[in-house]
Amino acid sequence: MYDVKELNSLRNEMKHQDREMVPRALVFAMFGLMCCALALVTFEQLSGRPNVGVLIEAPIVTARTVTLDGDRTGNFAVLAEDGSVLARSGDEKAGFIGVIGKIMDRRRVVHEVSGNPPIQIVRRENGHVALLDPSTDFVVELIGYGADNVAAFENLLN
């Protein structure tokens, strides 16, 4: 183990160690930045200026009702209303179907929805594709997920 001299040496080092782990100026700068950000946001909200970058839901042009049917392994199939398989998450460039399937399953567990009610895949007037789950009032606007991921659902509308 340690001998007495080593322990005394370590104790002396700890006594003389710098007390400030984070410099005081850095702490003040951090809180100053936080206060400035809070003041900016407060000013913008109180000024009455309209919010920018907020998604506006365009009217629906095309819609298709489908069911996402998954198994324990996380593989999902997109079923048409007649029960025929339209796509599978195991298909090439269709893995995003499995991701959305897991999200929908989780939302339904949280909202205590039983069974597997259908969802809607919609194309909006502005060209965006969205997924609507009427059983949980959940809407997934497929913006920023990448072209292949959006195409996995957009192809089901054609």
N, C-alpha and C. Protein backbone atom coordinates (compact mmCIF):
# COMPACT_ATOMS: atom_id res chain seq x y z
N MET A 1 0.84 -1.18 0.00
CA MET A 1 0.00 0.00 0.00
C MET A 1 0.88 1.24 0.00
N TYR A 2 0.43 2.25 0.72
CA TYR A 2 1.18 3.51 0.83
C TYR A 2 1.93 3.54 2.16
N ASP A 3 3.10 4.13 2.13
CA ASP A 3 3.77 4.33 3.41
C ASP A 3 3.38 5.70 3.95
N VAL A 4 3.77 5.99 5.16
CA VAL A 4 3.37 7.21 5.86
C VAL A 4 3.89 8.45 5.15
N LYS A 5 5.11 8.40 4.62
CA LYS A 5 5.69 9.56 3.94
C LYS A 5 4.88 9.93 2.70
N GLU A 6 4.46 8.90 1.95
CA GLU A 6 3.67 9.17 0.74
C GLU A 6 2.33 9.79 1.09
N LEU A 7 1.68 9.27 2.12
CA LEU A 7 0.38 9.81 2.54
C LEU A 7 0.51 11.26 2.99
N ASN A 8 1.55 11.55 3.76
CA ASN A 8 1.77 12.94 4.20
C ASN A 8 2.03 13.85 3.01
N SER A 9 2.77 13.34 2.05
CA SER A 9 3.06 14.12 0.84
C SER A 9 1.77 14.42 0.07
N LEU A 10 0.91 13.42 -0.06
CA LEU A 10 -0.38 13.62 -0.75
C LEU A 10 -1.26 14.61 0.00
N ARG A 11 -1.27 14.54 1.34
CA ARG A 11 -2.06 15.47 2.14
C ARG A 11 -1.60 16.90 1.92
N ASN A 12 -0.29 17.10 1.93
CA ASN A 12 0.25 18.44 1.72
C ASN A 12 -0.10 18.98 0.34
N GLU A 13 -0.08 18.11 -0.67
CA GLU A 13 -0.45 18.55 -2.02
C GLU A 13 -1.91 18.99 -2.05
N MET A 14 -2.77 18.26 -1.39
CA MET A 14 -4.19 18.59 -1.38
C MET A 14 -4.45 19.90 -0.64
N LYS A 15 -3.68 20.19 0.40
CA LYS A 15 -3.86 21.44 1.15
C LYS A 15 -3.53 22.65 0.29
N HIS A 16 -2.53 22.50 -0.56
CA HIS A 16 -2.07 23.63 -1.35
C HIS A 16 -2.69 23.67 -2.75
N GLN A 17 -3.62 22.78 -3.01
CA GLN A 17 -4.26 22.75 -4.32
C GLN A 17 -5.13 23.99 -4.51
N ASP A 18 -5.22 24.45 -5.73
CA ASP A 18 -6.01 25.64 -6.04
C ASP A 18 -7.46 25.41 -5.62
N ARG A 19 -8.03 26.34 -4.88
CA ARG A 19 -9.39 26.20 -4.38
C ARG A 19 -10.43 26.40 -5.48
N GLU A 20 -10.12 27.20 -6.49
CA GLU A 20 -11.08 27.46 -7.57
C GLU A 20 -10.92 26.44 -8.68
N MET A 21 -11.88 25.53 -8.78
CA MET A 21 -11.84 24.55 -9.85
C MET A 21 -12.29 25.19 -11.16
N VAL A 22 -13.29 26.08 -11.08
CA VAL A 22 -13.77 26.83 -12.24
C VAL A 22 -13.51 28.30 -11.94
N PRO A 23 -12.82 28.99 -12.82
CA PRO A 23 -12.52 30.40 -12.55
C PRO A 23 -13.79 31.23 -12.36
N ARG A 24 -13.72 32.15 -11.43
CA ARG A 24 -14.86 33.00 -11.09
C ARG A 24 -15.35 33.79 -12.31
N ALA A 25 -14.43 34.29 -13.11
CA ALA A 25 -14.81 35.07 -14.30
C ALA A 25 -15.64 34.23 -15.27
N LEU A 26 -15.29 32.96 -15.40
CA LEU A 26 -16.04 32.07 -16.28
C LEU A 26 -17.46 31.85 -15.78
N VAL A 27 -17.62 31.73 -14.49
CA VAL A 27 -18.96 31.56 -13.90
C VAL A 27 -19.80 32.81 -14.15
N PHE A 28 -19.21 33.99 -13.93
CA PHE A 28 -19.95 35.24 -14.19
C PHE A 28 -20.30 35.37 -15.67
N ALA A 29 -19.39 35.00 -16.54
CA ALA A 29 -19.65 35.07 -17.98
C ALA A 29 -20.79 34.14 -18.37
N MET A 30 -20.81 32.95 -17.79
CA MET A 30 -21.85 31.97 -18.09
C MET A 30 -23.23 32.51 -17.67
N PHE A 31 -23.33 33.04 -16.46
CA PHE A 31 -24.61 33.58 -16.01
C PHE A 31 -24.99 34.84 -16.78
N GLY A 32 -24.00 35.64 -17.17
CA GLY A 32 -24.27 36.82 -17.99
C GLY A 32 -24.85 36.44 -19.34
N LEU A 33 -24.28 35.42 -19.97
CA LEU A 33 -24.78 34.94 -21.25
C LEU A 33 -26.20 34.40 -21.11
N MET A 34 -26.45 33.67 -20.03
CA MET A 34 -27.78 33.14 -19.78
C MET A 34 -28.80 34.26 -19.61
N CYS A 35 -28.44 35.30 -18.86
CA CYS A 35 -29.34 36.43 -18.65
C CYS A 35 -29.60 37.19 -19.95
N CYS A 36 -28.57 37.35 -20.77
CA CYS A 36 -28.74 38.02 -22.07
C CYS A 36 -29.70 37.23 -22.96
N ALA A 37 -29.55 35.91 -23.01
CA ALA A 37 -30.43 35.08 -23.82
C ALA A 37 -31.87 35.17 -23.31
N LEU A 38 -32.05 35.14 -22.01
CA LEU A 38 -33.38 35.26 -21.42
C LEU A 38 -33.99 36.62 -21.74
N ALA A 39 -33.21 37.68 -21.66
CA ALA A 39 -33.70 39.03 -21.96
C ALA A 39 -34.11 39.14 -23.43
N LEU A 40 -33.32 38.56 -24.32
CA LEU A 40 -33.64 38.59 -25.75
C LEU A 40 -34.95 37.88 -26.05
N VAL A 41 -35.11 36.69 -25.50
CA VAL A 41 -36.33 35.92 -25.73
C VAL A 41 -37.54 36.64 -25.14
N THR A 42 -37.39 37.19 -23.94
CA THR A 42 -38.49 37.93 -23.31
C THR A 42 -38.88 39.13 -24.15
N PHE A 43 -37.90 39.88 -24.64
CA PHE A 43 -38.19 41.04 -25.49
C PHE A 43 -38.95 40.63 -26.74
N GLU A 44 -38.51 39.57 -27.41
CA GLU A 44 -39.16 39.12 -28.64
C GLU A 44 -40.60 38.68 -28.38
N GLN A 45 -40.83 38.00 -27.27
CA GLN A 45 -42.19 37.54 -26.97
C GLN A 45 -43.11 38.69 -26.60
N LEU A 46 -42.59 39.67 -25.87
CA LEU A 46 -43.41 40.80 -25.44
C LEU A 46 -43.60 41.85 -26.54
N SER A 47 -42.76 41.82 -27.56
CA SER A 47 -42.84 42.84 -28.62
C SER A 47 -44.03 42.60 -29.55
N GLY A 48 -44.60 41.40 -29.54
CA GLY A 48 -45.75 41.12 -30.39
C GLY A 48 -45.35 40.73 -31.80
N ARG A 49 -44.08 40.62 -32.06
CA ARG A 49 -43.60 40.23 -33.39
C ARG A 49 -44.00 38.79 -33.65
N PRO A 50 -44.49 38.48 -34.86
CA PRO A 50 -44.91 37.10 -35.13
C PRO A 50 -43.72 36.14 -35.13
N ASN A 51 -43.98 34.91 -34.70
CA ASN A 51 -42.94 33.89 -34.68
C ASN A 51 -42.57 33.50 -36.11
N VAL A 52 -41.30 33.25 -36.34
CA VAL A 52 -40.84 32.80 -37.65
C VAL A 52 -40.30 31.39 -37.51
N GLY A 53 -40.32 30.65 -38.60
CA GLY A 53 -39.83 29.28 -38.56
C GLY A 53 -40.82 28.31 -37.94
N VAL A 54 -42.07 28.72 -37.81
CA VAL A 54 -43.10 27.87 -37.23
C VAL A 54 -43.82 27.16 -38.37
N LEU A 55 -43.98 25.85 -38.25
CA LEU A 55 -44.62 25.06 -39.29
C LEU A 55 -46.09 25.43 -39.40
N ILE A 56 -46.52 25.72 -40.62
CA ILE A 56 -47.93 25.98 -40.89
C ILE A 56 -48.47 24.76 -41.63
N GLU A 57 -49.48 24.13 -41.06
CA GLU A 57 -50.03 22.93 -41.68
C GLU A 57 -50.84 23.31 -42.91
N ALA A 58 -50.34 22.88 -44.07
CA ALA A 58 -51.03 23.14 -45.33
C ALA A 58 -52.17 22.13 -45.48
N PRO A 59 -53.15 22.45 -46.32
CA PRO A 59 -54.25 21.51 -46.56
C PRO A 59 -53.76 20.19 -47.17
N ILE A 60 -54.50 19.13 -46.90
CA ILE A 60 -54.15 17.80 -47.40
C ILE A 60 -54.64 17.65 -48.84
N VAL A 61 -53.74 17.17 -49.71
CA VAL A 61 -54.07 16.95 -51.11
C VAL A 61 -54.36 15.48 -51.37
N THR A 62 -53.50 14.60 -50.86
CA THR A 62 -53.63 13.16 -51.05
C THR A 62 -53.48 12.47 -49.70
N ALA A 63 -54.28 11.43 -49.50
CA ALA A 63 -54.19 10.69 -48.24
C ALA A 63 -54.36 9.20 -48.51
N ARG A 64 -53.71 8.40 -47.69
CA ARG A 64 -53.87 6.95 -47.77
C ARG A 64 -53.88 6.40 -46.36
N THR A 65 -54.85 5.56 -46.08
CA THR A 65 -54.97 4.93 -44.77
C THR A 65 -54.24 3.59 -44.80
N VAL A 66 -53.34 3.41 -43.85
CA VAL A 66 -52.55 2.18 -43.77
C VAL A 66 -52.44 1.76 -42.30
N THR A 67 -51.96 0.55 -42.11
CA THR A 67 -51.70 0.05 -40.76
C THR A 67 -50.24 -0.36 -40.68
N LEU A 68 -49.58 0.03 -39.61
CA LEU A 68 -48.20 -0.39 -39.36
C LEU A 68 -48.25 -1.61 -38.46
N ASP A 69 -47.83 -2.74 -38.99
CA ASP A 69 -47.89 -3.99 -38.25
C ASP A 69 -46.47 -4.44 -37.93
N GLY A 70 -46.13 -4.48 -36.64
CA GLY A 70 -44.77 -4.83 -36.24
C GLY A 70 -44.70 -6.11 -35.46
N ASP A 71 -43.50 -6.66 -35.39
CA ASP A 71 -43.28 -7.84 -34.57
C ASP A 71 -42.26 -7.53 -33.48
N ARG A 72 -41.92 -8.52 -32.69
CA ARG A 72 -41.02 -8.31 -31.54
C ARG A 72 -39.62 -7.88 -31.95
N THR A 73 -39.20 -8.26 -33.14
CA THR A 73 -37.83 -7.95 -33.57
C THR A 73 -37.70 -6.54 -34.11
N GLY A 74 -38.80 -5.81 -34.21
CA GLY A 74 -38.74 -4.44 -34.70
C GLY A 74 -38.97 -4.31 -36.19
N ASN A 75 -39.31 -5.42 -36.85
CA ASN A 75 -39.64 -5.36 -38.27
C ASN A 75 -41.09 -4.95 -38.43
N PHE A 76 -41.33 -3.99 -39.29
CA PHE A 76 -42.67 -3.49 -39.50
C PHE A 76 -43.07 -3.65 -40.95
N ALA A 77 -44.35 -3.91 -41.17
CA ALA A 77 -44.92 -3.96 -42.51
C ALA A 77 -46.00 -2.90 -42.59
N VAL A 78 -46.09 -2.28 -43.75
CA VAL A 78 -47.15 -1.30 -44.00
C VAL A 78 -48.24 -2.05 -44.76
N LEU A 79 -49.42 -2.13 -44.16
CA LEU A 79 -50.52 -2.88 -44.74
C LEU A 79 -51.58 -1.92 -45.28
N ALA A 80 -52.09 -2.24 -46.48
CA ALA A 80 -53.19 -1.46 -47.05
C ALA A 80 -54.47 -1.81 -46.30
N GLU A 81 -55.53 -1.10 -46.62
CA GLU A 81 -56.81 -1.35 -45.93
C GLU A 81 -57.32 -2.76 -46.18
N ASP A 82 -56.97 -3.35 -47.34
CA ASP A 82 -57.42 -4.71 -47.63
C ASP A 82 -56.49 -5.77 -47.05
N GLY A 83 -55.43 -5.36 -46.35
CA GLY A 83 -54.52 -6.29 -45.70
C GLY A 83 -53.29 -6.65 -46.52
N SER A 84 -53.22 -6.18 -47.76
CA SER A 84 -52.04 -6.49 -48.58
C SER A 84 -50.83 -5.69 -48.10
N VAL A 85 -49.66 -6.28 -48.24
CA VAL A 85 -48.42 -5.65 -47.78
C VAL A 85 -47.93 -4.67 -48.85
N LEU A 86 -47.78 -3.41 -48.45
CA LEU A 86 -47.30 -2.37 -49.36
C LEU A 86 -45.79 -2.21 -49.28
N ALA A 87 -45.24 -2.34 -48.09
CA ALA A 87 -43.79 -2.19 -47.88
C ALA A 87 -43.42 -2.84 -46.55
N ARG A 88 -42.15 -3.15 -46.42
CA ARG A 88 -41.61 -3.71 -45.18
C ARG A 88 -40.39 -2.91 -44.77
N SER A 89 -40.17 -2.82 -43.47
CA SER A 89 -39.00 -2.07 -43.00
C SER A 89 -37.70 -2.75 -43.38
N GLY A 90 -37.75 -4.02 -43.73
CA GLY A 90 -36.56 -4.74 -44.16
C GLY A 90 -36.20 -4.51 -45.61
N ASP A 91 -37.11 -3.88 -46.38
CA ASP A 91 -36.83 -3.59 -47.78
C ASP A 91 -35.72 -2.56 -47.88
N GLU A 92 -35.11 -2.49 -49.07
CA GLU A 92 -34.01 -1.54 -49.28
C GLU A 92 -34.50 -0.11 -49.09
N LYS A 93 -33.76 0.65 -48.31
CA LYS A 93 -34.04 2.06 -48.01
C LYS A 93 -35.41 2.27 -47.39
N ALA A 94 -35.88 1.29 -46.62
CA ALA A 94 -37.19 1.42 -45.97
C ALA A 94 -37.08 1.21 -44.46
N GLY A 95 -35.89 1.27 -43.91
CA GLY A 95 -35.71 1.08 -42.47
C GLY A 95 -36.41 2.12 -41.63
N PHE A 96 -36.65 3.29 -42.22
CA PHE A 96 -37.33 4.37 -41.50
C PHE A 96 -38.76 3.98 -41.14
N ILE A 97 -39.34 3.06 -41.89
CA ILE A 97 -40.68 2.57 -41.57
C ILE A 97 -40.66 1.92 -40.19
N GLY A 98 -39.61 1.18 -39.89
CA GLY A 98 -39.47 0.56 -38.57
C GLY A 98 -39.31 1.58 -37.46
N VAL A 99 -38.56 2.65 -37.75
CA VAL A 99 -38.38 3.72 -36.76
C VAL A 99 -39.72 4.36 -36.43
N ILE A 100 -40.47 4.72 -37.47
CA ILE A 100 -41.78 5.34 -37.26
C ILE A 100 -42.73 4.36 -36.57
N GLY A 101 -42.65 3.09 -36.94
CA GLY A 101 -43.50 2.08 -36.30
C GLY A 101 -43.26 2.01 -34.80
N LYS A 102 -41.99 2.05 -34.40
CA LYS A 102 -41.66 2.02 -32.97
C LYS A 102 -42.16 3.29 -32.27
N ILE A 103 -42.04 4.42 -32.93
CA ILE A 103 -42.53 5.68 -32.35
C ILE A 103 -44.03 5.62 -32.15
N MET A 104 -44.75 5.15 -33.17
CA MET A 104 -46.22 5.05 -33.06
C MET A 104 -46.61 4.08 -31.96
N ASP A 105 -45.92 2.94 -31.88
CA ASP A 105 -46.21 1.97 -30.81
C ASP A 105 -46.02 2.60 -29.44
N ARG A 106 -44.93 3.33 -29.27
CA ARG A 106 -44.65 3.96 -27.97
C ARG A 106 -45.73 4.98 -27.62
N ARG A 107 -46.11 5.81 -28.59
CA ARG A 107 -47.16 6.81 -28.34
C ARG A 107 -48.47 6.13 -27.92
N ARG A 108 -48.76 5.02 -28.55
CA ARG A 108 -50.01 4.32 -28.24
C ARG A 108 -49.97 3.69 -26.85
N VAL A 109 -48.82 3.22 -26.44
CA VAL A 109 -48.68 2.69 -25.08
C VAL A 109 -48.88 3.81 -24.07
N VAL A 110 -48.26 4.96 -24.31
CA VAL A 110 -48.38 6.10 -23.40
C VAL A 110 -49.82 6.59 -23.31
N HIS A 111 -50.53 6.59 -24.45
CA HIS A 111 -51.92 7.06 -24.47
C HIS A 111 -52.93 5.94 -24.20
N GLU A 112 -52.43 4.76 -23.85
CA GLU A 112 -53.26 3.61 -23.51
C GLU A 112 -54.25 3.26 -24.62
N VAL A 113 -53.76 3.25 -25.86
CA VAL A 113 -54.58 2.87 -27.00
C VAL A 113 -54.42 1.37 -27.21
N SER A 114 -55.53 0.65 -27.26
CA SER A 114 -55.46 -0.80 -27.46
C SER A 114 -55.63 -1.12 -28.94
N GLY A 115 -55.13 -2.25 -29.33
CA GLY A 115 -55.23 -2.67 -30.72
C GLY A 115 -54.20 -1.98 -31.59
N ASN A 116 -54.44 -2.03 -32.88
CA ASN A 116 -53.52 -1.43 -33.85
C ASN A 116 -54.32 -0.62 -34.86
N PRO A 117 -54.84 0.55 -34.45
CA PRO A 117 -55.65 1.34 -35.37
C PRO A 117 -54.81 1.88 -36.53
N PRO A 118 -55.45 2.16 -37.65
CA PRO A 118 -54.71 2.65 -38.82
C PRO A 118 -54.22 4.09 -38.65
N ILE A 119 -53.23 4.43 -39.47
CA ILE A 119 -52.73 5.80 -39.54
C ILE A 119 -52.95 6.30 -40.96
N GLN A 120 -52.76 7.58 -41.16
CA GLN A 120 -52.88 8.16 -42.50
C GLN A 120 -51.53 8.70 -42.94
N ILE A 121 -51.19 8.42 -44.19
CA ILE A 121 -50.04 9.05 -44.83
C ILE A 121 -50.63 10.11 -45.74
N VAL A 122 -50.22 11.36 -45.58
CA VAL A 122 -50.82 12.45 -46.36
C VAL A 122 -49.74 13.26 -47.07
N ARG A 123 -50.12 13.78 -48.22
CA ARG A 123 -49.28 14.76 -48.92
C ARG A 123 -50.02 16.08 -48.82
N ARG A 124 -49.33 17.09 -48.40
CA ARG A 124 -49.94 18.40 -48.22
C ARG A 124 -49.77 19.25 -49.48
N GLU A 125 -50.51 20.33 -49.52
CA GLU A 125 -50.50 21.24 -50.66
C GLU A 125 -49.10 21.80 -50.94
N ASN A 126 -48.31 21.97 -49.90
CA ASN A 126 -46.95 22.51 -50.06
C ASN A 126 -45.93 21.43 -50.43
N GLY A 127 -46.37 20.18 -50.64
CA GLY A 127 -45.49 19.09 -51.05
C GLY A 127 -44.94 18.26 -49.91
N HIS A 128 -45.14 18.67 -48.68
CA HIS A 128 -44.64 17.91 -47.54
C HIS A 128 -45.48 16.66 -47.31
N VAL A 129 -44.83 15.64 -46.78
CA VAL A 129 -45.51 14.39 -46.43
C VAL A 129 -45.61 14.33 -44.91
N ALA A 130 -46.75 13.87 -44.42
CA ALA A 130 -46.95 13.78 -42.97
C ALA A 130 -47.64 12.46 -42.64
N LEU A 131 -47.47 12.03 -41.41
CA LEU A 131 -48.15 10.84 -40.89
C LEU A 131 -49.08 11.29 -39.77
N LEU A 132 -50.33 10.88 -39.86
CA LEU A 132 -51.33 11.27 -38.87
C LEU A 132 -51.83 10.03 -38.15
N ASP A 133 -51.80 10.07 -36.84
CA ASP A 133 -52.33 8.97 -36.04
C ASP A 133 -53.55 9.50 -35.28
N PRO A 134 -54.76 9.26 -35.82
CA PRO A 134 -55.97 9.79 -35.17
C PRO A 134 -56.21 9.24 -33.76
N SER A 135 -55.68 8.05 -33.46
CA SER A 135 -55.93 7.46 -32.14
C SER A 135 -55.20 8.20 -31.03
N THR A 136 -54.11 8.90 -31.35
CA THR A 136 -53.36 9.64 -30.34
C THR A 136 -53.24 11.13 -30.68
N ASP A 137 -53.85 11.55 -31.78
CA ASP A 137 -53.73 12.93 -32.28
C ASP A 137 -52.27 13.31 -32.51
N PHE A 138 -51.47 12.34 -32.92
CA PHE A 138 -50.03 12.55 -33.15
C PHE A 138 -49.80 12.80 -34.64
N VAL A 139 -49.02 13.83 -34.93
CA VAL A 139 -48.69 14.18 -36.31
C VAL A 139 -47.18 14.20 -36.45
N VAL A 140 -46.67 13.49 -37.45
CA VAL A 140 -45.24 13.51 -37.76
C VAL A 140 -45.09 14.15 -39.14
N GLU A 141 -44.59 15.36 -39.16
CA GLU A 141 -44.29 16.04 -40.43
C GLU A 141 -42.91 15.56 -40.86
N LEU A 142 -42.83 14.92 -42.00
CA LEU A 142 -41.56 14.35 -42.46
C LEU A 142 -40.71 15.43 -43.13
N ILE A 143 -40.19 16.30 -42.30
CA ILE A 143 -39.33 17.38 -42.77
C ILE A 143 -37.99 17.21 -42.07
N GLY A 144 -36.92 17.19 -42.83
CA GLY A 144 -35.59 17.10 -42.23
C GLY A 144 -35.16 15.69 -41.88
N TYR A 145 -35.85 14.69 -42.36
CA TYR A 145 -35.47 13.31 -42.07
C TYR A 145 -34.61 12.69 -43.16
N GLY A 146 -34.38 13.41 -44.24
CA GLY A 146 -33.58 12.89 -45.35
C GLY A 146 -34.47 12.38 -46.46
N ALA A 147 -33.97 12.48 -47.68
CA ALA A 147 -34.76 12.14 -48.87
C ALA A 147 -35.19 10.67 -48.87
N ASP A 148 -34.28 9.76 -48.52
CA ASP A 148 -34.63 8.34 -48.54
C ASP A 148 -35.70 8.00 -47.51
N ASN A 149 -35.63 8.61 -46.35
CA ASN A 149 -36.61 8.33 -45.29
C ASN A 149 -37.99 8.86 -45.67
N VAL A 150 -38.03 10.06 -46.24
CA VAL A 150 -39.32 10.61 -46.67
C VAL A 150 -39.86 9.78 -47.83
N ALA A 151 -38.98 9.36 -48.74
CA ALA A 151 -39.40 8.57 -49.90
C ALA A 151 -40.01 7.23 -49.49
N ALA A 152 -39.57 6.67 -48.37
CA ALA A 152 -40.12 5.40 -47.90
C ALA A 152 -41.63 5.50 -47.71
N PHE A 153 -42.11 6.65 -47.26
CA PHE A 153 -43.55 6.84 -47.08
C PHE A 153 -44.19 7.52 -48.29
N GLU A 154 -43.46 8.42 -48.94
CA GLU A 154 -44.01 9.14 -50.09
C GLU A 154 -44.34 8.17 -51.23
N ASN A 155 -43.53 7.13 -51.40
CA ASN A 155 -43.79 6.15 -52.45
C ASN A 155 -45.10 5.41 -52.22
N LEU A 156 -45.56 5.34 -51.00
CA LEU A 156 -46.82 4.66 -50.69
C LEU A 156 -48.03 5.47 -51.14
N LEU A 157 -47.82 6.75 -51.41
CA LEU A 157 -48.92 7.60 -51.88
C LEU A 157 -49.11 7.53 -53.39
N ASN A 158 -48.11 7.04 -54.09
CA ASN A 158 -48.17 6.99 -55.57
C ASN A 158 -48.85 5.73 -56.05
